[in-house]
Amino acid sequence: MDSIKNILFIDIETVPSTKDYESLSSALKEFWTDKAKYWLNISDDSPSVDAVYEQKAGIYAEFSKIICISIGRFHKEGELWKFAIKTIAHDEEPVLLRDFLSILHKRQLLTPSFLFCGHNIKEFDLPFICRRLLINGFKIPNVLQLSGKKPWEILHQDTLDLWKFGDYKHYISLALLAHLFAIPSPKDDICGSDVAKVYWHDNDLNRIATYCAKDVYTVAQVFLKLKGIVLDPMPPLLEV
């Protein structure tokens, strides 16, 4: 059970790099139009290139930015387990990434063998972070050196993979997985599809940060369920 102290639970929130398609540079407009051809041609009533940008750009590292990263971990105080979360949220992505790298550096000094855990992080969060680090001129730290590795060489834990049990075509959302385990939903205020609107139209980064932290806490609880680990009592969410 003490091995859970070596895990950093992580979640990121991303948004399109600009408020709308028209705000892109002329070069990026061309690249996005080419990228969006599939959605623009799938039906007679397909959305406009502007609408597709607002709906889809946030999931592509080339056309978006990270605005929030939450990191949580279990630690023990006496006989009681605690769960603490550090959330970094910033409009300037280079500042956010610099703070993130600083946290990783400090954590690696304390726990050299730490691992990440999250929901779908092997397909989304970790590769996304690596791409945005390079785009912003940062070096990728050793713990995130994933390129060229075989799947079994990547030791980070992914609750989506754990639930698949080897069934590679299966997908389940974190919200559904939490529901199945009777864990309170992190989507009690907003969900992933709302993030871009809340950021660009409502200008409410704090609301997104709270949502991101809740996701991390939910992932941690789901991980315990999948591993059959019982913490009694379950530590509350701290330091949001």
Protein backbone atom coordinates (compact mmCIF):
# COMPACT_ATOMS: atom_id res chain seq x y z
CA MET A 1 0.00 0.00 0.00
CA ASP A 2 2.89 2.37 0.71
CA SER A 3 3.69 2.30 -3.02
CA ILE A 4 0.85 4.73 -3.65
CA LYS A 5 3.09 7.40 -2.13
CA ASN A 6 5.23 7.12 -5.29
CA ILE A 7 2.36 8.05 -7.61
CA LEU A 8 1.53 11.53 -8.83
CA PHE A 9 -2.05 11.74 -10.06
CA ILE A 10 -2.35 14.21 -12.90
CA ASP A 11 -4.87 15.93 -15.15
CA ILE A 12 -4.56 18.80 -17.61
CA GLU A 13 -7.03 21.22 -19.16
CA THR A 14 -6.47 22.56 -22.66
CA VAL A 15 -8.16 25.17 -24.85
CA PRO A 16 -7.77 26.41 -28.43
CA SER A 17 -4.74 28.71 -28.60
CA THR A 18 -6.89 31.67 -29.65
CA LYS A 19 -10.42 32.78 -28.86
CA ASP A 20 -11.63 31.97 -32.38
CA TYR A 21 -10.47 30.87 -35.80
CA GLU A 22 -10.18 34.44 -37.08
CA SER A 23 -7.58 35.21 -34.42
CA LEU A 24 -5.17 32.61 -35.79
CA SER A 25 -2.23 33.65 -37.93
CA SER A 26 -2.76 33.23 -41.67
CA ALA A 27 -0.40 30.24 -41.73
CA LEU A 28 -2.21 28.46 -38.89
CA LYS A 29 -5.56 29.18 -40.53
CA GLU A 30 -4.39 27.21 -43.56
CA PHE A 31 -3.07 24.37 -41.44
CA TRP A 32 -6.30 24.22 -39.43
CA THR A 33 -8.51 24.29 -42.53
CA ASP A 34 -6.56 21.31 -43.84
CA LYS A 35 -6.84 19.54 -40.48
CA ALA A 36 -10.59 20.21 -40.31
CA LYS A 37 -11.44 18.83 -43.76
CA TYR A 38 -12.87 15.63 -42.30
CA TRP A 39 -15.46 17.42 -40.15
CA LEU A 40 -16.23 19.91 -42.91
CA ASN A 41 -17.14 17.16 -45.37
CA ILE A 42 -18.88 14.52 -43.29
CA SER A 43 -22.41 15.73 -44.05
CA ASP A 44 -24.43 18.32 -45.92
CA ASP A 45 -25.02 20.27 -42.71
CA SER A 46 -21.42 20.06 -41.54
CA PRO A 47 -20.24 22.90 -39.26
CA SER A 48 -18.20 25.88 -40.42
CA VAL A 49 -14.43 25.93 -40.08
CA ASP A 50 -14.87 28.49 -37.26
CA ALA A 51 -17.23 26.22 -35.33
CA VAL A 52 -14.97 23.20 -35.79
CA TYR A 53 -12.05 25.21 -34.45
CA GLU A 54 -13.93 26.13 -31.28
CA GLN A 55 -15.13 22.53 -30.79
CA LYS A 56 -12.04 20.53 -31.72
CA ALA A 57 -8.84 22.60 -31.64
CA GLY A 58 -8.37 22.14 -27.90
CA ILE A 59 -7.52 18.46 -28.26
CA TYR A 60 -4.67 19.05 -30.71
CA ALA A 61 -1.37 20.21 -29.24
CA GLU A 62 -0.48 22.03 -32.45
CA PHE A 63 -3.50 24.34 -32.19
CA SER A 64 -4.05 24.73 -28.47
CA LYS A 65 -2.42 25.45 -25.13
CA ILE A 66 -2.45 24.04 -21.62
CA ILE A 67 -4.07 26.39 -19.12
CA CYS A 68 -4.20 24.16 -16.05
CA ILE A 69 -2.34 21.18 -14.57
CA SER A 70 -3.39 19.52 -11.31
CA ILE A 71 -1.11 17.09 -9.50
CA GLY A 72 -2.21 15.08 -6.47
CA ARG A 73 -0.53 12.58 -4.21
CA PHE A 74 -1.20 10.44 -1.16
CA HIS A 75 1.00 10.85 1.90
CA LYS A 76 0.77 9.57 5.43
CA GLU A 77 0.67 11.60 8.63
CA GLY A 78 0.91 9.21 11.54
CA GLU A 79 -1.74 6.57 10.90
CA LEU A 80 -3.86 8.75 8.63
CA TRP A 81 -3.59 9.05 4.89
CA LYS A 82 -3.83 12.51 3.35
CA PHE A 83 -4.39 13.53 -0.26
CA ALA A 84 -2.96 16.87 -1.33
CA ILE A 85 -3.34 18.60 -4.68
CA LYS A 86 -1.24 21.31 -6.27
CA THR A 87 -2.99 23.08 -9.14
CA ILE A 88 -1.15 25.35 -11.56
CA ALA A 89 -3.35 27.59 -13.69
CA HIS A 90 -2.07 30.38 -15.89
CA ASP A 91 -2.99 32.21 -19.09
CA GLU A 92 0.66 32.22 -20.17
CA GLU A 93 1.54 28.64 -21.03
CA PRO A 94 5.35 29.07 -20.72
CA VAL A 95 4.88 30.25 -17.12
CA LEU A 96 2.62 27.29 -16.36
CA LEU A 97 5.05 24.79 -17.89
CA ARG A 98 8.02 26.29 -16.04
CA ASP A 99 6.16 25.91 -12.75
CA PHE A 100 5.22 22.34 -13.68
CA LEU A 101 8.83 21.41 -14.44
CA SER A 102 9.91 22.94 -11.13
CA ILE A 103 7.42 20.76 -9.25
CA LEU A 104 8.65 17.65 -11.09
CA HIS A 105 12.26 18.48 -10.30
CA LYS A 106 11.53 18.87 -6.59
CA ARG A 107 9.44 15.70 -6.51
CA GLN A 108 12.14 13.71 -8.28
CA LEU A 109 14.68 14.74 -5.64
CA LEU A 110 12.34 13.40 -2.94
CA THR A 111 10.97 10.38 -4.84
CA PRO A 112 13.30 9.42 -7.72
CA SER A 113 11.09 6.55 -8.86
CA PHE A 114 7.71 8.34 -8.93
CA LEU A 115 5.11 7.52 -11.59
CA PHE A 116 2.19 9.41 -13.05
CA CYS A 117 -1.37 8.14 -12.95
CA GLY A 118 -4.39 9.56 -14.73
CA HIS A 119 -7.29 8.71 -17.00
CA ASN A 120 -6.21 8.29 -20.63
CA ILE A 121 -2.91 10.00 -19.86
CA LYS A 122 -0.91 7.69 -22.13
CA GLU A 123 -2.95 8.75 -25.16
CA PHE A 124 -3.63 12.36 -24.22
CA ASP A 125 -2.20 14.18 -21.18
CA LEU A 126 1.43 13.01 -21.21
CA PRO A 127 2.01 13.22 -25.00
CA PHE A 128 0.22 16.58 -25.01
CA ILE A 129 2.51 17.94 -22.29
CA CYS A 130 5.59 16.69 -24.16
CA ARG A 131 4.53 18.39 -27.39
CA ARG A 132 3.73 21.67 -25.70
CA LEU A 133 7.04 21.59 -23.82
CA LEU A 134 8.93 21.32 -27.10
CA ILE A 135 6.82 23.97 -28.83
CA ASN A 136 7.58 26.35 -25.95
CA GLY A 137 11.31 25.61 -26.05
CA PHE A 138 11.59 23.42 -22.94
CA LYS A 139 13.45 20.14 -22.61
CA ILE A 140 11.41 17.05 -21.83
CA PRO A 141 12.35 15.71 -18.36
CA ASN A 142 13.43 12.08 -18.05
CA VAL A 143 10.17 11.01 -16.41
CA LEU A 144 8.33 12.10 -19.57
CA GLN A 145 10.73 10.60 -22.10
CA LEU A 146 8.14 8.37 -23.80
CA SER A 147 9.13 8.58 -27.47
CA GLY A 148 10.26 5.29 -28.98
CA LYS A 149 9.36 3.23 -25.93
CA LYS A 150 7.33 0.04 -26.16
CA PRO A 151 3.96 0.14 -24.35
CA TRP A 152 5.21 -2.20 -21.65
CA GLU A 153 8.24 0.02 -21.06
CA ILE A 154 6.02 2.93 -20.01
CA LEU A 155 5.34 2.31 -16.33
CA HIS A 156 2.95 5.20 -15.74
CA GLN A 157 -0.49 4.03 -14.61
CA ASP A 158 -3.58 4.77 -16.70
CA THR A 159 -7.02 4.05 -15.24
CA LEU A 160 -8.41 3.66 -18.76
CA ASP A 161 -5.85 0.93 -19.48
CA LEU A 162 -6.49 -0.73 -16.13
CA TRP A 163 -10.20 -0.93 -16.91
CA LYS A 164 -9.61 -2.30 -20.41
CA PHE A 165 -8.10 -5.55 -19.10
CA GLY A 166 -6.32 -5.96 -22.44
CA ASP A 167 -9.36 -5.03 -24.58
CA TYR A 168 -7.72 -2.32 -26.70
CA LYS A 169 -10.90 -1.23 -28.45
CA HIS A 170 -12.73 -0.39 -25.24
CA TYR A 171 -13.16 3.19 -24.01
CA ILE A 172 -14.84 4.45 -20.87
CA SER A 173 -15.07 8.00 -19.56
CA LEU A 174 -13.81 8.92 -16.11
CA ALA A 175 -17.32 10.09 -15.20
CA LEU A 176 -18.86 6.70 -16.02
CA LEU A 177 -16.10 4.82 -14.24
CA ALA A 178 -16.61 6.98 -11.15
CA HIS A 179 -20.37 6.34 -11.32
CA LEU A 180 -19.86 2.57 -11.47
CA PHE A 181 -17.75 2.74 -8.31
CA ALA A 182 -20.20 5.09 -6.54
CA ILE A 183 -17.64 7.89 -6.50
CA PRO A 184 -19.06 11.44 -6.67
CA SER A 185 -18.78 12.84 -10.18
CA PRO A 186 -16.15 15.53 -10.84
CA LYS A 187 -18.52 16.91 -13.49
CA ASP A 188 -20.89 18.49 -10.97
CA ASP A 189 -20.22 21.96 -12.35
CA ILE A 190 -18.63 21.77 -15.79
CA CYS A 191 -17.27 19.01 -18.04
CA GLY A 192 -14.45 18.86 -20.57
CA SER A 193 -16.52 20.21 -23.44
CA ASP A 194 -17.28 23.36 -21.41
CA VAL A 195 -13.67 24.32 -20.68
CA ALA A 196 -13.00 26.38 -23.82
CA LYS A 197 -16.19 28.39 -23.36
CA VAL A 198 -15.56 28.97 -19.65
CA TYR A 199 -12.04 30.14 -20.47
CA TRP A 200 -12.48 32.24 -23.61
CA HIS A 201 -16.01 33.58 -23.07
CA ASP A 202 -16.49 33.58 -19.28
CA ASN A 203 -12.85 34.35 -18.43
CA ASP A 204 -13.07 32.06 -15.39
CA LEU A 205 -9.76 30.23 -15.04
CA ASN A 206 -10.36 29.58 -11.32
CA ARG A 207 -13.50 27.61 -12.12
CA ILE A 208 -11.50 25.45 -14.53
CA ALA A 209 -8.77 24.93 -11.93
CA THR A 210 -11.34 23.65 -9.41
CA TYR A 211 -12.75 21.27 -12.02
CA CYS A 212 -9.26 19.99 -12.88
CA ALA A 213 -8.46 19.33 -9.22
CA LYS A 214 -11.71 17.41 -8.80
CA ASP A 215 -10.77 15.23 -11.77
CA VAL A 216 -7.46 14.35 -10.14
CA TYR A 217 -9.16 13.46 -6.86
CA THR A 218 -11.63 11.27 -8.75
CA VAL A 219 -8.84 9.52 -10.66
CA ALA A 220 -7.10 8.76 -7.37
CA GLN A 221 -10.26 7.19 -5.95
CA VAL A 222 -10.87 5.17 -9.11
CA PHE A 223 -7.26 3.94 -9.03
CA LEU A 224 -7.71 2.67 -5.48
CA LYS A 225 -10.85 0.80 -6.53
CA LEU A 226 -9.13 -0.77 -9.54
CA LYS A 227 -6.20 -1.88 -7.40
CA GLY A 228 -8.36 -3.11 -4.52
CA ILE A 229 -6.75 -0.68 -2.07
CA VAL A 230 -8.90 0.46 0.84
CA LEU A 231 -8.07 3.64 2.73
CA ASP A 232 -10.36 4.00 5.71
CA PRO A 233 -11.25 6.76 5.95
CA MET A 234 -10.69 8.05 2.44
CA PRO A 235 -8.73 11.31 2.83
CA PRO A 236 -10.62 14.41 1.72
CA LEU A 237 -9.47 16.69 -1.07
CA LEU A 238 -6.98 19.27 0.24
CA GLU A 239 -5.16 22.29 -1.15
CA VAL A 240 -7.31 22.84 -4.21
